[in-house]
Amino acid sequence: MYFLFFTNSIGQQHRLFFEPHSYSNLMEFVRDQGIEDWGDCRGRAWCGTCHIAVTPKNDLVITEIDEVHRLSLLSNASTDSRLACQVFLDKRIHQTEIRYIGDD
């Protein structure tokens, strides 16, 4: 069993257990856990409502130009920023700390 730590918008940390590839992406998984109500663009990397910080970044390299573009428009983006809708739920995020940031 794999897990990650997710800190929500009000600072509560949750340890979430998951099976790799059980969801299309991290955004859908966290939303289905009832922790955040996000994803205005339905996972297209257009809105930034699922903006997160990933620590350690591991090998979660941004590969989609839409994600790069959206993050470049957010004033609160950092080198640890990702859009949860673009992060696959796989073993690369096992034991990762993820903090909700949101759009600005």
Protein backbone atom coordinates (compact mmCIF):
# COMPACT_ATOMS: atom_id res chain seq x y z
CA MET A 1 0.00 0.00 0.00
CA TYR A 2 1.24 3.48 -0.87
CA PHE A 3 0.54 6.74 0.94
CA LEU A 4 1.13 10.47 0.76
CA PHE A 5 0.72 13.36 3.15
CA PHE A 6 -1.67 16.09 2.05
CA THR A 7 -2.06 19.42 3.83
CA ASN A 8 -5.37 21.02 2.90
CA SER A 9 -6.37 24.66 2.51
CA ILE A 10 -6.95 25.12 6.27
CA GLY A 11 -3.67 23.51 7.32
CA GLN A 12 -4.91 20.05 8.33
CA GLN A 13 -2.58 17.22 7.35
CA HIS A 14 -4.03 13.95 6.08
CA ARG A 15 -2.25 10.68 5.47
CA LEU A 16 -3.91 9.26 2.36
CA PHE A 17 -3.49 5.67 1.23
CA PHE A 18 -3.79 4.83 -2.44
CA GLU A 19 -3.35 2.14 -5.03
CA PRO A 20 -1.24 3.27 -8.01
CA HIS A 21 -3.27 4.22 -11.07
CA SER A 22 -6.58 3.91 -9.19
CA TYR A 23 -7.46 7.47 -10.28
CA SER A 24 -6.64 9.51 -13.35
CA ASN A 25 -4.72 12.06 -11.29
CA LEU A 26 -4.01 13.39 -7.81
CA MET A 27 -6.70 16.08 -8.05
CA GLU A 28 -9.48 13.54 -8.54
CA PHE A 29 -8.17 11.36 -5.72
CA VAL A 30 -8.02 14.19 -3.16
CA ARG A 31 -11.43 15.53 -4.23
CA ASP A 32 -12.99 12.06 -3.85
CA GLN A 33 -11.55 11.86 -0.32
CA GLY A 34 -13.71 14.91 0.51
CA ILE A 35 -10.70 17.04 1.42
CA GLU A 36 -10.74 19.75 -1.26
CA ASP A 37 -13.37 20.95 -3.71
CA TRP A 38 -11.22 21.97 -6.64
CA GLY A 39 -10.78 21.48 -10.33
CA ASP A 40 -12.81 24.24 -11.94
CA CYS A 41 -11.35 23.33 -15.36
CA ARG A 42 -11.93 19.60 -14.81
CA GLY A 43 -8.27 18.64 -15.03
CA ARG A 44 -7.22 20.53 -18.14
CA ALA A 45 -4.49 22.63 -16.41
CA TRP A 46 -6.33 25.84 -17.27
CA CYS A 47 -7.45 27.25 -13.92
CA GLY A 48 -4.85 26.73 -11.18
CA THR A 49 -7.40 25.82 -8.47
CA CYS A 50 -5.49 22.59 -7.80
CA HIS A 51 -2.13 24.35 -7.35
CA ILE A 52 0.03 22.38 -4.92
CA ALA A 53 3.61 22.27 -3.62
CA VAL A 54 5.32 18.88 -3.76
CA THR A 55 8.17 18.06 -1.36
CA PRO A 56 10.47 16.41 -2.19
CA LYS A 57 9.90 16.94 -5.87
CA ASN A 58 11.40 13.51 -6.72
CA ASP A 59 11.07 12.79 -10.40
CA LEU A 60 7.76 14.61 -10.85
CA VAL A 61 8.91 16.54 -13.89
CA ILE A 62 6.42 18.79 -15.64
CA THR A 63 5.88 17.49 -19.14
CA GLU A 64 2.76 19.31 -20.33
CA ILE A 65 3.04 22.79 -21.83
CA ASP A 66 -0.43 23.72 -20.48
CA GLU A 67 0.79 23.15 -16.91
CA VAL A 68 3.96 25.17 -17.50
CA HIS A 69 1.87 28.01 -18.93
CA ARG A 70 -0.70 28.04 -16.09
CA LEU A 71 2.01 27.96 -13.39
CA SER A 72 3.80 30.86 -15.10
CA LEU A 73 0.66 32.97 -14.63
CA LEU A 74 0.35 32.29 -10.89
CA SER A 75 2.13 34.83 -8.71
CA ASN A 76 2.45 32.32 -5.85
CA ALA A 77 4.13 29.58 -7.92
CA SER A 78 7.52 28.24 -6.85
CA THR A 79 9.98 25.58 -7.99
CA ASP A 80 7.95 23.03 -5.99
CA SER A 81 4.67 23.98 -7.68
CA ARG A 82 2.56 21.54 -9.65
CA LEU A 83 -1.07 21.27 -10.67
CA ALA A 84 -2.61 18.23 -8.97
CA CYS A 85 -4.62 17.51 -12.11
CA GLN A 86 -1.35 16.83 -13.92
CA VAL A 87 0.22 14.55 -11.28
CA PHE A 88 -0.34 10.85 -11.81
CA LEU A 89 -1.28 8.74 -8.82
CA ASP A 90 1.64 6.33 -8.98
CA LYS A 91 4.52 5.09 -6.85
CA ARG A 92 6.57 8.24 -7.54
CA ILE A 93 4.44 10.16 -5.00
CA HIS A 94 4.68 7.50 -2.29
CA GLN A 95 5.61 9.18 1.04
CA THR A 96 5.54 12.63 -0.60
CA GLU A 97 4.35 15.74 1.22
CA ILE A 98 1.85 17.74 -0.76
CA ARG A 99 0.54 21.12 0.35
CA TYR A 100 -2.44 22.88 -1.16
CA ILE A 101 -1.66 26.38 -2.39
CA GLY A 102 -4.52 27.25 -4.75
CA ASP A 103 -4.79 29.93 -7.36
CA ASP A 104 -4.01 33.50 -6.45
